[in-house]
Amino acid sequence: MKFKNNQIYSIFSIFLVISLLAPWGCRGWKSESEKLKEEITDISAENKKLKKELDNLKTENSNMHGRLAQLNLQMAEFQNEMQSLKKELDSFKAQVKRVAQKNK
């Protein structure tokens, strides 16, 4: 296969243009790469901050569950005490009623 001078000149010109433009294009990729690295770093920092906040909220939630269980026990104790007092009140009312009937 024989190349004509025009073909060799065209191929050489294309090669020359590509070799001159390649570094310029790589700089653009490098710049984009640096921007993406910065963005990844920022997102990682925000992710760490949010993870720390989530851990704090989990701890607070766990503490609140303990406090809620404690309050539920107190509430059950108060309900038992109310039932006991109601029984005593009903007993006292019955006694008063009997005394009132005797006095009639």
PDB file of N, CA and C in Angstrom:
ATOM      1  N   MET A   1       0.859  -1.161   0.000  1.00  0.00           N
ATOM      2  CA  MET A   1       0.000   0.000   0.000  1.00  0.00           C
ATOM      3  C   MET A   1       0.911   1.232   0.000  1.00  0.00           C
ATOM      4  N   LYS A   2       0.715   2.046  -0.963  1.00  0.00           N
ATOM      5  CA  LYS A   2       1.537   3.246  -1.097  1.00  0.00           C
ATOM      6  C   LYS A   2       0.711   4.461  -0.663  1.00  0.00           C
ATOM      7  N   PHE A   3       1.365   5.328   0.125  1.00  0.00           N
ATOM      8  CA  PHE A   3       0.703   6.558   0.551  1.00  0.00           C
ATOM      9  C   PHE A   3       1.139   7.697  -0.354  1.00  0.00           C
ATOM     10  N   LYS A   4       0.220   8.526  -0.661  1.00  0.00           N
ATOM     11  CA  LYS A   4       0.541   9.725  -1.426  1.00  0.00           C
ATOM     12  C   LYS A   4       1.008  10.797  -0.457  1.00  0.00           C
ATOM     13  N   ASN A   5       1.659  11.786  -0.957  1.00  0.00           N
ATOM     14  CA  ASN A   5       2.148  12.878  -0.108  1.00  0.00           C
ATOM     15  C   ASN A   5       1.010  13.572   0.621  1.00  0.00           C
ATOM     16  N   ASN A   6      -0.111  13.741  -0.026  1.00  0.00           N
ATOM     17  CA  ASN A   6      -1.270  14.386   0.600  1.00  0.00           C
ATOM     18  C   ASN A   6      -1.774  13.550   1.777  1.00  0.00           C
ATOM     19  N   GLN A   7      -1.786  12.244   1.620  1.00  0.00           N
ATOM     20  CA  GLN A   7      -2.255  11.362   2.696  1.00  0.00           C
ATOM     21  C   GLN A   7      -1.296  11.403   3.875  1.00  0.00           C
ATOM     22  N   ILE A   8       0.009  11.369   3.568  1.00  0.00           N
ATOM     23  CA  ILE A   8       1.005  11.424   4.642  1.00  0.00           C
ATOM     24  C   ILE A   8       0.898  12.761   5.367  1.00  0.00           C
ATOM     25  N   TYR A   9       0.760  13.835   4.598  1.00  0.00           N
ATOM     26  CA  TYR A   9       0.628  15.167   5.191  1.00  0.00           C
ATOM     27  C   TYR A   9      -0.633  15.238   6.068  1.00  0.00           C
ATOM     28  N   SER A  10      -1.755  14.677   5.623  1.00  0.00           N
ATOM     29  CA  SER A  10      -3.009  14.694   6.377  1.00  0.00           C
ATOM     30  C   SER A  10      -2.857  13.889   7.670  1.00  0.00           C
ATOM     31  N   ILE A  11      -2.262  12.719   7.561  1.00  0.00           N
ATOM     32  CA  ILE A  11      -2.075  11.874   8.750  1.00  0.00           C
ATOM     33  C   ILE A  11      -1.154  12.573   9.739  1.00  0.00           C
ATOM     34  N   PHE A  12      -0.050  13.151   9.237  1.00  0.00           N
ATOM     35  CA  PHE A  12       0.889  13.855  10.102  1.00  0.00           C
ATOM     36  C   PHE A  12       0.224  15.055  10.762  1.00  0.00           C
ATOM     37  N   SER A  13      -0.587  15.785  10.014  1.00  0.00           N
ATOM     38  CA  SER A  13      -1.284  16.961  10.559  1.00  0.00           C
ATOM     39  C   SER A  13      -2.257  16.551  11.658  1.00  0.00           C
ATOM     40  N   ILE A  14      -2.986  15.493  11.423  1.00  0.00           N
ATOM     41  CA  ILE A  14      -3.944  15.015  12.433  1.00  0.00           C
ATOM     42  C   ILE A  14      -3.197  14.571  13.688  1.00  0.00           C
ATOM     43  N   PHE A  15      -2.097  13.835  13.496  1.00  0.00           N
ATOM     44  CA  PHE A  15      -1.289  13.385  14.634  1.00  0.00           C
ATOM     45  C   PHE A  15      -0.736  14.568  15.412  1.00  0.00           C
ATOM     46  N   LEU A  16      -0.257  15.589  14.685  1.00  0.00           N
ATOM     47  CA  LEU A  16       0.290  16.781  15.322  1.00  0.00           C
ATOM     48  C   LEU A  16      -0.780  17.522  16.116  1.00  0.00           C
ATOM     49  N   VAL A  17      -1.951  17.681  15.547  1.00  0.00           N
ATOM     50  CA  VAL A  17      -3.054  18.369  16.239  1.00  0.00           C
ATOM     51  C   VAL A  17      -3.450  17.586  17.499  1.00  0.00           C
ATOM     52  N   ILE A  18      -3.552  16.279  17.375  1.00  0.00           N
ATOM     53  CA  ILE A  18      -3.931  15.455  18.528  1.00  0.00           C
ATOM     54  C   ILE A  18      -2.876  15.545  19.621  1.00  0.00           C
ATOM     55  N   SER A  19      -1.610  15.481  19.242  1.00  0.00           N
ATOM     56  CA  SER A  19      -0.551  15.528  20.251  1.00  0.00           C
ATOM     57  C   SER A  19      -0.474  16.894  20.921  1.00  0.00           C
ATOM     58  N   LEU A  20      -0.849  17.952  20.219  1.00  0.00           N
ATOM     59  CA  LEU A  20      -0.844  19.290  20.825  1.00  0.00           C
ATOM     60  C   LEU A  20      -2.066  19.528  21.712  1.00  0.00           C
ATOM     61  N   LEU A  21      -3.195  18.954  21.343  1.00  0.00           N
ATOM     62  CA  LEU A  21      -4.426  19.163  22.106  1.00  0.00           C
ATOM     63  C   LEU A  21      -4.559  18.201  23.295  1.00  0.00           C
ATOM     64  N   ALA A  22      -3.874  17.090  23.263  1.00  0.00           N
ATOM     65  CA  ALA A  22      -4.001  16.086  24.320  1.00  0.00           C
ATOM     66  C   ALA A  22      -3.664  16.637  25.707  1.00  0.00           C
ATOM     67  N   PRO A  23      -2.533  17.344  25.885  1.00  0.00           N
ATOM     68  CA  PRO A  23      -2.245  17.881  27.233  1.00  0.00           C
ATOM     69  C   PRO A  23      -3.302  18.872  27.714  1.00  0.00           C
ATOM     70  N   TRP A  24      -3.835  19.664  26.798  1.00  0.00           N
ATOM     71  CA  TRP A  24      -4.865  20.627  27.187  1.00  0.00           C
ATOM     72  C   TRP A  24      -6.107  19.887  27.686  1.00  0.00           C
ATOM     73  N   GLY A  25      -6.492  18.830  26.973  1.00  0.00           N
ATOM     74  CA  GLY A  25      -7.651  18.037  27.385  1.00  0.00           C
ATOM     75  C   GLY A  25      -7.411  17.338  28.705  1.00  0.00           C
ATOM     76  N   CYS A  26      -6.193  16.870  28.932  1.00  0.00           N
ATOM     77  CA  CYS A  26      -5.867  16.192  30.198  1.00  0.00           C
ATOM     78  C   CYS A  26      -5.942  17.159  31.368  1.00  0.00           C
ATOM     79  N   ARG A  27      -5.550  18.424  31.128  1.00  0.00           N
ATOM     80  CA  ARG A  27      -5.645  19.417  32.210  1.00  0.00           C
ATOM     81  C   ARG A  27      -7.089  19.595  32.646  1.00  0.00           C
ATOM     82  N   GLY A  28      -7.975  19.593  31.690  1.00  0.00           N
ATOM     83  CA  GLY A  28      -9.401  19.711  32.003  1.00  0.00           C
ATOM     84  C   GLY A  28      -9.876  18.532  32.823  1.00  0.00           C
ATOM     85  N   TRP A  29      -9.413  17.348  32.486  1.00  0.00           N
ATOM     86  CA  TRP A  29      -9.784  16.155  33.250  1.00  0.00           C
ATOM     87  C   TRP A  29      -9.186  16.199  34.642  1.00  0.00           C
ATOM     88  N   LYS A  30      -7.940  16.722  34.719  1.00  0.00           N
ATOM     89  CA  LYS A  30      -7.275  16.818  36.013  1.00  0.00           C
ATOM     90  C   LYS A  30      -8.042  17.790  36.908  1.00  0.00           C
ATOM     91  N   SER A  31      -8.441  18.914  36.334  1.00  0.00           N
ATOM     92  CA  SER A  31      -9.198  19.906  37.087  1.00  0.00           C
ATOM     93  C   SER A  31     -10.524  19.321  37.565  1.00  0.00           C
ATOM     94  N   GLU A  32     -11.192  18.619  36.675  1.00  0.00           N
ATOM     95  CA  GLU A  32     -12.465  17.975  37.043  1.00  0.00           C
ATOM     96  C   GLU A  32     -12.237  16.932  38.122  1.00  0.00           C
ATOM     97  N   SER A  33     -11.146  16.198  38.008  1.00  0.00           N
ATOM     98  CA  SER A  33     -10.809  15.181  39.004  1.00  0.00           C
ATOM     99  C   SER A  33     -10.576  15.822  40.363  1.00  0.00           C
ATOM    100  N   GLU A  34      -9.864  16.941  40.389  1.00  0.00           N
ATOM    101  CA  GLU A  34      -9.606  17.648  41.648  1.00  0.00           C
ATOM    102  C   GLU A  34     -10.906  18.162  42.257  1.00  0.00           C
ATOM    103  N   LYS A  35     -11.792  18.677  41.428  1.00  0.00           N
ATOM    104  CA  LYS A  35     -13.089  19.153  41.924  1.00  0.00           C
ATOM    105  C   LYS A  35     -13.874  18.002  42.546  1.00  0.00           C
ATOM    106  N   LEU A  36     -13.859  16.853  41.868  1.00  0.00           N
ATOM    107  CA  LEU A  36     -14.583  15.696  42.393  1.00  0.00           C
ATOM    108  C   LEU A  36     -13.970  15.206  43.708  1.00  0.00           C
ATOM    109  N   LYS A  37     -12.639  15.239  43.800  1.00  0.00           N
ATOM    110  CA  LYS A  37     -11.981  14.839  45.051  1.00  0.00           C
ATOM    111  C   LYS A  37     -12.378  15.762  46.186  1.00  0.00           C
ATOM    112  N   GLU A  38     -12.415  17.070  45.918  1.00  0.00           N
ATOM    113  CA  GLU A  38     -12.834  18.033  46.941  1.00  0.00           C
ATOM    114  C   GLU A  38     -14.279  17.770  47.369  1.00  0.00           C
ATOM    115  N   GLU A  39     -15.120  17.506  46.392  1.00  0.00           N
ATOM    116  CA  GLU A  39     -16.525  17.227  46.698  1.00  0.00           C
ATOM    117  C   GLU A  39     -16.658  15.962  47.543  1.00  0.00           C
ATOM    118  N   ILE A  40     -15.878  14.933  47.202  1.00  0.00           N
ATOM    119  CA  ILE A  40     -15.904  13.689  47.977  1.00  0.00           C
ATOM    120  C   ILE A  40     -15.426  13.949  49.399  1.00  0.00           C
ATOM    121  N   THR A  41     -14.385  14.769  49.546  1.00  0.00           N
ATOM    122  CA  THR A  41     -13.877  15.106  50.877  1.00  0.00           C
ATOM    123  C   THR A  41     -14.940  15.843  51.687  1.00  0.00           C
ATOM    124  N   ASP A  42     -15.612  16.802  51.054  1.00  0.00           N
ATOM    125  CA  ASP A  42     -16.676  17.549  51.743  1.00  0.00           C
ATOM    126  C   ASP A  42     -17.816  16.619  52.159  1.00  0.00           C
ATOM    127  N   ILE A  43     -18.203  15.738  51.260  1.00  0.00           N
ATOM    128  CA  ILE A  43     -19.298  14.819  51.562  1.00  0.00           C
ATOM    129  C   ILE A  43     -18.895  13.854  52.667  1.00  0.00           C
ATOM    130  N   SER A  44     -17.641  13.411  52.659  1.00  0.00           N
ATOM    131  CA  SER A  44     -17.155  12.511  53.720  1.00  0.00           C
ATOM    132  C   SER A  44     -17.189  13.211  55.079  1.00  0.00           C
ATOM    133  N   ALA A  45     -16.777  14.476  55.096  1.00  0.00           N
ATOM    134  CA  ALA A  45     -16.805  15.239  56.353  1.00  0.00           C
ATOM    135  C   ALA A  45     -18.235  15.397  56.845  1.00  0.00           C
ATOM    136  N   GLU A  46     -19.143  15.708  55.935  1.00  0.00           N
ATOM    137  CA  GLU A  46     -20.549  15.859  56.322  1.00  0.00           C
ATOM    138  C   GLU A  46     -21.116  14.519  56.791  1.00  0.00           C
ATOM    139  N   ASN A  47     -20.714  13.440  56.126  1.00  0.00           N
ATOM    140  CA  ASN A  47     -21.162  12.101  56.498  1.00  0.00           C
ATOM    141  C   ASN A  47     -20.694  11.759  57.916  1.00  0.00           C
ATOM    142  N   LYS A  48     -19.443  12.074  58.243  1.00  0.00           N
ATOM    143  CA  LYS A  48     -18.921  11.824  59.596  1.00  0.00           C
ATOM    144  C   LYS A  48     -19.707  12.627  60.629  1.00  0.00           C
ATOM    145  N   LYS A  49     -19.983  13.889  60.292  1.00  0.00           N
ATOM    146  CA  LYS A  49     -20.747  14.755  61.208  1.00  0.00           C
ATOM    147  C   LYS A  49     -22.139  14.178  61.445  1.00  0.00           C
ATOM    148  N   LEU A  50     -22.797  13.744  60.365  1.00  0.00           N
ATOM    149  CA  LEU A  50     -24.145  13.184  60.493  1.00  0.00           C
ATOM    150  C   LEU A  50     -24.123  11.857  61.245  1.00  0.00           C
ATOM    151  N   LYS A  51     -23.076  11.062  61.041  1.00  0.00           N
ATOM    152  CA  LYS A  51     -22.963   9.793  61.762  1.00  0.00           C
ATOM    153  C   LYS A  51     -22.807  10.041  63.258  1.00  0.00           C
ATOM    154  N   LYS A  52     -22.010  11.046  63.612  1.00  0.00           N
ATOM    155  CA  LYS A  52     -21.826  11.394  65.022  1.00  0.00           C
ATOM    156  C   LYS A  52     -23.158  11.852  65.634  1.00  0.00           C
ATOM    157  N   GLU A  53     -23.883  12.675  64.884  1.00  0.00           N
ATOM    158  CA  GLU A  53     -25.188  13.157  65.345  1.00  0.00           C
ATOM    159  C   GLU A  53     -26.169  11.993  65.501  1.00  0.00           C
ATOM    160  N   LEU A  54     -26.133  11.055  64.544  1.00  0.00           N
ATOM    161  CA  LEU A  54     -26.993   9.873  64.620  1.00  0.00           C
ATOM    162  C   LEU A  54     -26.654   9.033  65.848  1.00  0.00           C
ATOM    163  N   ASP A  55     -25.367   8.857  66.128  1.00  0.00           N
ATOM    164  CA  ASP A  55     -24.960   8.103  67.320  1.00  0.00           C
ATOM    165  C   ASP A  55     -25.457   8.778  68.594  1.00  0.00           C
ATOM    166  N   ASN A  56     -25.370  10.117  68.630  1.00  0.00           N
ATOM    167  CA  ASN A  56     -25.880  10.864  69.787  1.00  0.00           C
ATOM    168  C   ASN A  56     -27.383  10.662  69.942  1.00  0.00           C
ATOM    169  N   LEU A  57     -28.105  10.710  68.830  1.00  0.00           N
ATOM    170  CA  LEU A  57     -29.556  10.519  68.878  1.00  0.00           C
ATOM    171  C   LEU A  57     -29.914   9.095  69.311  1.00  0.00           C
ATOM    172  N   LYS A  58     -29.124   8.115  68.865  1.00  0.00           N
ATOM    173  CA  LYS A  58     -29.371   6.736  69.288  1.00  0.00           C
ATOM    174  C   LYS A  58     -29.169   6.589  70.790  1.00  0.00           C
ATOM    175  N   THR A  59     -28.111   7.214  71.305  1.00  0.00           N
ATOM    176  CA  THR A  59     -27.856   7.166  72.747  1.00  0.00           C
ATOM    177  C   THR A  59     -28.988   7.837  73.512  1.00  0.00           C
ATOM    178  N   GLU A  60     -29.407   9.001  73.036  1.00  0.00           N
ATOM    179  CA  GLU A  60     -30.503   9.725  73.685  1.00  0.00           C
ATOM    180  C   GLU A  60     -31.785   8.898  73.630  1.00  0.00           C
ATOM    181  N   ASN A  61     -32.042   8.253  72.510  1.00  0.00           N
ATOM    182  CA  ASN A  61     -33.226   7.412  72.356  1.00  0.00           C
ATOM    183  C   ASN A  61     -33.186   6.248  73.342  1.00  0.00           C
ATOM    184  N   SER A  62     -32.018   5.643  73.478  1.00  0.00           N
ATOM    185  CA  SER A  62     -31.863   4.535  74.415  1.00  0.00           C
ATOM    186  C   SER A  62     -32.126   5.001  75.853  1.00  0.00           C
ATOM    187  N   ASN A  63     -31.584   6.162  76.201  1.00  0.00           N
ATOM    188  CA  ASN A  63     -31.812   6.719  77.540  1.00  0.00           C
ATOM    189  C   ASN A  63     -33.294   7.007  77.770  1.00  0.00           C
ATOM    190  N   MET A  64     -33.960   7.519  76.745  1.00  0.00           N
ATOM    191  CA  MET A  64     -35.384   7.826  76.869  1.00  0.00           C
ATOM    192  C   MET A  64     -36.211   6.550  77.040  1.00  0.00           C
ATOM    193  N   HIS A  65     -35.804   5.469  76.378  1.00  0.00           N
ATOM    194  CA  HIS A  65     -36.519   4.203  76.558  1.00  0.00           C
ATOM    195  C   HIS A  65     -36.400   3.721  77.995  1.00  0.00           C
ATOM    196  N   GLY A  66     -35.218   3.879  78.581  1.00  0.00           N
ATOM    197  CA  GLY A  66     -35.036   3.519  79.985  1.00  0.00           C
ATOM    198  C   GLY A  66     -35.905   4.365  80.892  1.00  0.00           C
ATOM    199  N   ARG A  67     -35.936   5.659  80.630  1.00  0.00           N
ATOM    200  CA  ARG A  67     -36.747   6.576  81.437  1.00  0.00           C
ATOM    201  C   ARG A  67     -38.233   6.249  81.274  1.00  0.00           C
ATOM    202  N   LEU A  68     -38.651   5.926  80.048  1.00  0.00           N
ATOM    203  CA  LEU A  68     -40.047   5.578  79.788  1.00  0.00           C
ATOM    204  C   LEU A  68     -40.441   4.312  80.556  1.00  0.00           C
ATOM    205  N   ALA A  69     -39.553   3.326  80.580  1.00  0.00           N
ATOM    206  CA  ALA A  69     -39.831   2.094  81.331  1.00  0.00           C
ATOM    207  C   ALA A  69     -39.980   2.411  82.818  1.00  0.00           C
ATOM    208  N   GLN A  70     -39.130   3.289  83.316  1.00  0.00           N
ATOM    209  CA  GLN A  70     -39.203   3.700  84.725  1.00  0.00           C
ATOM    210  C   GLN A  70     -40.532   4.402  85.011  1.00  0.00           C
ATOM    211  N   LEU A  71     -40.936   5.291  84.125  1.00  0.00           N
ATOM    212  CA  LEU A  71     -42.204   6.003  84.318  1.00  0.00           C
ATOM    213  C   LEU A  71     -43.398   5.049  84.228  1.00  0.00           C
ATOM    214  N   ASN A  72     -43.316   4.043  83.346  1.00  0.00           N
ATOM    215  CA  ASN A  72     -44.393   3.051  83.253  1.00  0.00           C
ATOM    216  C   ASN A  72     -44.530   2.273  84.557  1.00  0.00           C
ATOM    217  N   LEU A  73     -43.403   1.931  85.177  1.00  0.00           N
ATOM    218  CA  LEU A  73     -43.458   1.236  86.471  1.00  0.00           C
ATOM    219  C   LEU A  73     -44.092   2.123  87.543  1.00  0.00           C
ATOM    220  N   GLN A  74     -43.687   3.392  87.565  1.00  0.00           N
ATOM    221  CA  GLN A  74     -44.274   4.327  88.534  1.00  0.00           C
ATOM    222  C   GLN A  74     -45.777   4.458  88.302  1.00  0.00           C
ATOM    223  N   MET A  75     -46.169   4.531  87.047  1.00  0.00           N
ATOM    224  CA  MET A  75     -47.586   4.662  86.729  1.00  0.00           C
ATOM    225  C   MET A  75     -48.362   3.429  87.195  1.00  0.00           C
ATOM    226  N   ALA A  76     -47.799   2.256  87.016  1.00  0.00           N
ATOM    227  CA  ALA A  76     -48.450   1.030  87.482  1.00  0.00           C
ATOM    228  C   ALA A  76     -48.577   1.038  89.003  1.00  0.00           C
ATOM    229  N   GLU A  77     -47.529   1.516  89.690  1.00  0.00           N
ATOM    230  CA  GLU A  77     -47.585   1.625  91.153  1.00  0.00           C
ATOM    231  C   GLU A  77     -48.685   2.585  91.582  1.00  0.00           C
ATOM    232  N   PHE A  78     -48.782   3.736  90.896  1.00  0.00           N
ATOM    233  CA  PHE A  78     -49.821   4.713  91.230  1.00  0.00           C
ATOM    234  C   PHE A  78     -51.218   4.146  90.988  1.00  0.00           C
ATOM    235  N   GLN A  79     -51.375   3.388  89.894  1.00  0.00           N
ATOM    236  CA  GLN A  79     -52.678   2.782  89.627  1.00  0.00           C
ATOM    237  C   GLN A  79     -53.043   1.772  90.711  1.00  0.00           C
ATOM    238  N   ASN A  80     -52.075   0.985  91.156  1.00  0.00           N
ATOM    239  CA  ASN A  80     -52.329   0.039  92.249  1.00  0.00           C
ATOM    240  C   ASN A  80     -52.701   0.780  93.529  1.00  0.00           C
ATOM    241  N   GLU A  81     -51.996   1.865  93.818  1.00  0.00           N
ATOM    242  CA  GLU A  81     -52.298   2.658  95.008  1.00  0.00           C
ATOM    243  C   GLU A  81     -53.690   3.278  94.905  1.00  0.00           C
ATOM    244  N   MET A  82     -54.060   3.752  93.696  1.00  0.00           N
ATOM    245  CA  MET A  82     -55.404   4.319  93.505  1.00  0.00           C
ATOM    246  C   MET A  82     -56.476   3.262  93.743  1.00  0.00           C
ATOM    247  N   GLN A  83     -56.257   2.042  93.242  1.00  0.00           N
ATOM    248  CA  GLN A  83     -57.233   0.968  93.458  1.00  0.00           C
ATOM    249  C   GLN A  83     -57.358   0.641  94.943  1.00  0.00           C
ATOM    250  N   SER A  84     -56.228   0.617  95.620  1.00  0.00           N
ATOM    251  CA  SER A  84     -56.245   0.343  97.059  1.00  0.00           C
ATOM    252  C   SER A  84     -57.013   1.437  97.807  1.00  0.00           C
ATOM    253  N   LEU A  85     -56.735   2.701  97.454  1.00  0.00           N
ATOM    254  CA  LEU A  85     -57.431   3.816  98.096  1.00  0.00           C
ATOM    255  C   LEU A  85     -58.926   3.796  97.762  1.00  0.00           C
ATOM    256  N   LYS A  86     -59.272   3.392  96.557  1.00  0.00           N
ATOM    257  CA  LYS A  86     -60.685   3.311  96.175  1.00  0.00           C
ATOM    258  C   LYS A  86     -61.385   2.239  97.016  1.00  0.00           C
ATOM    259  N   LYS A  87     -60.713   1.111  97.222  1.00  0.00           N
ATOM    260  CA  LYS A  87     -61.299   0.063  98.057  1.00  0.00           C
ATOM    261  C   LYS A  87     -61.499   0.561  99.483  1.00  0.00           C
ATOM    262  N   GLU A  88     -60.498   1.269 100.014  1.00  0.00           N
ATOM    263  CA  GLU A  88     -60.621   1.827 101.364  1.00  0.00           C
ATOM    264  C   GLU A  88     -61.762   2.831 101.426  1.00  0.00           C
ATOM    265  N   LEU A  89     -61.884   3.669 100.375  1.00  0.00           N
ATOM    266  CA  LEU A  89     -62.962   4.660 100.333  1.00  0.00           C
ATOM    267  C   LEU A  89     -64.324   3.975 100.293  1.00  0.00           C
ATOM    268  N   ASP A  90     -64.443   2.933  99.443  1.00  0.00           N
ATOM    269  CA  ASP A  90     -65.707   2.196  99.361  1.00  0.00           C
ATOM    270  C   ASP A  90     -66.039   1.557 100.709  1.00  0.00           C
ATOM    271  N   SER A  91     -65.021   1.024 101.386  1.00  0.00           N
ATOM    272  CA  SER A  91     -65.225   0.417 102.702  1.00  0.00           C
ATOM    273  C   SER A  91     -65.684   1.479 103.707  1.00  0.00           C
ATOM    274  N   PHE A  92     -65.017   2.658 103.664  1.00  0.00           N
ATOM    275  CA  PHE A  92     -65.391   3.737 104.580  1.00  0.00           C
ATOM    276  C   PHE A  92     -66.815   4.210 104.307  1.00  0.00           C
ATOM    277  N   LYS A  93     -67.198   4.328 103.019  1.00  0.00           N
ATOM    278  CA  LYS A  93     -68.562   4.733 102.662  1.00  0.00           C
ATOM    279  C   LYS A  93     -69.574   3.717 103.191  1.00  0.00           C
ATOM    280  N   ALA A  94     -69.239   2.438 103.082  1.00  0.00           N
ATOM    281  CA  ALA A  94     -70.146   1.389 103.571  1.00  0.00           C
ATOM    282  C   ALA A  94     -70.319   1.503 105.086  1.00  0.00           C
ATOM    283  N   GLN A  95     -69.213   1.779 105.790  1.00  0.00           N
ATOM    284  CA  GLN A  95     -69.296   1.945 107.247  1.00  0.00           C
ATOM    285  C   GLN A  95     -70.168   3.146 107.604  1.00  0.00           C
ATOM    286  N   VAL A  96     -69.970   4.244 106.903  1.00  0.00           N
ATOM    287  CA  VAL A  96     -70.758   5.454 107.176  1.00  0.00           C
ATOM    288  C   VAL A  96     -72.227   5.178 106.901  1.00  0.00           C
ATOM    289  N   LYS A  97     -72.516   4.441 105.853  1.00  0.00           N
ATOM    290  CA  LYS A  97     -73.891   4.125 105.496  1.00  0.00           C
ATOM    291  C   LYS A  97     -74.530   3.258 106.583  1.00  0.00           C
ATOM    292  N   ARG A  98     -73.780   2.280 107.090  1.00  0.00           N
ATOM    293  CA  ARG A  98     -74.318   1.422 108.162  1.00  0.00           C
ATOM    294  C   ARG A  98     -74.580   2.226 109.432  1.00  0.00           C
ATOM    295  N   VAL A  99     -73.651   3.119 109.762  1.00  0.00           N
ATOM    296  CA  VAL A  99     -73.845   3.943 110.968  1.00  0.00           C
ATOM    297  C   VAL A  99     -75.069   4.849 110.784  1.00  0.00           C
ATOM    298  N   ALA A 100     -75.225   5.392 109.589  1.00  0.00           N
ATOM    299  CA  ALA A 100     -76.374   6.266 109.320  1.00  0.00           C
ATOM    300  C   ALA A 100     -77.670   5.498 109.423  1.00  0.00           C
ATOM    301  N   GLN A 101     -77.681   4.258 108.958  1.00  0.00           N
ATOM    302  CA  GLN A 101     -78.892   3.440 109.041  1.00  0.00           C
ATOM    303  C   GLN A 101     -79.207   3.072 110.488  1.00  0.00           C
ATOM    304  N   LYS A 102     -78.205   2.823 111.310  1.00  0.00           N
ATOM    305  CA  LYS A 102     -78.423   2.494 112.724  1.00  0.00           C
ATOM    306  C   LYS A 102     -78.978   3.696 113.472  1.00  0.00           C
ATOM    307  N   ASN A 103     -78.545   4.872 113.101  1.00  0.00           N
ATOM    308  CA  ASN A 103     -78.960   6.086 113.788  1.00  0.00           C
ATOM    309  C   ASN A 103     -80.361   6.530 113.398  1.00  0.00           C
ATOM    310  N   LYS A 104     -80.967   5.945 112.424  1.00  0.00           N
ATOM    311  CA  LYS A 104     -82.309   6.343 112.013  1.00  0.00           C
ATOM    312  C   LYS A 104     -83.338   5.785 112.884  1.00  0.00           C
TER     313      LYS A 104
END
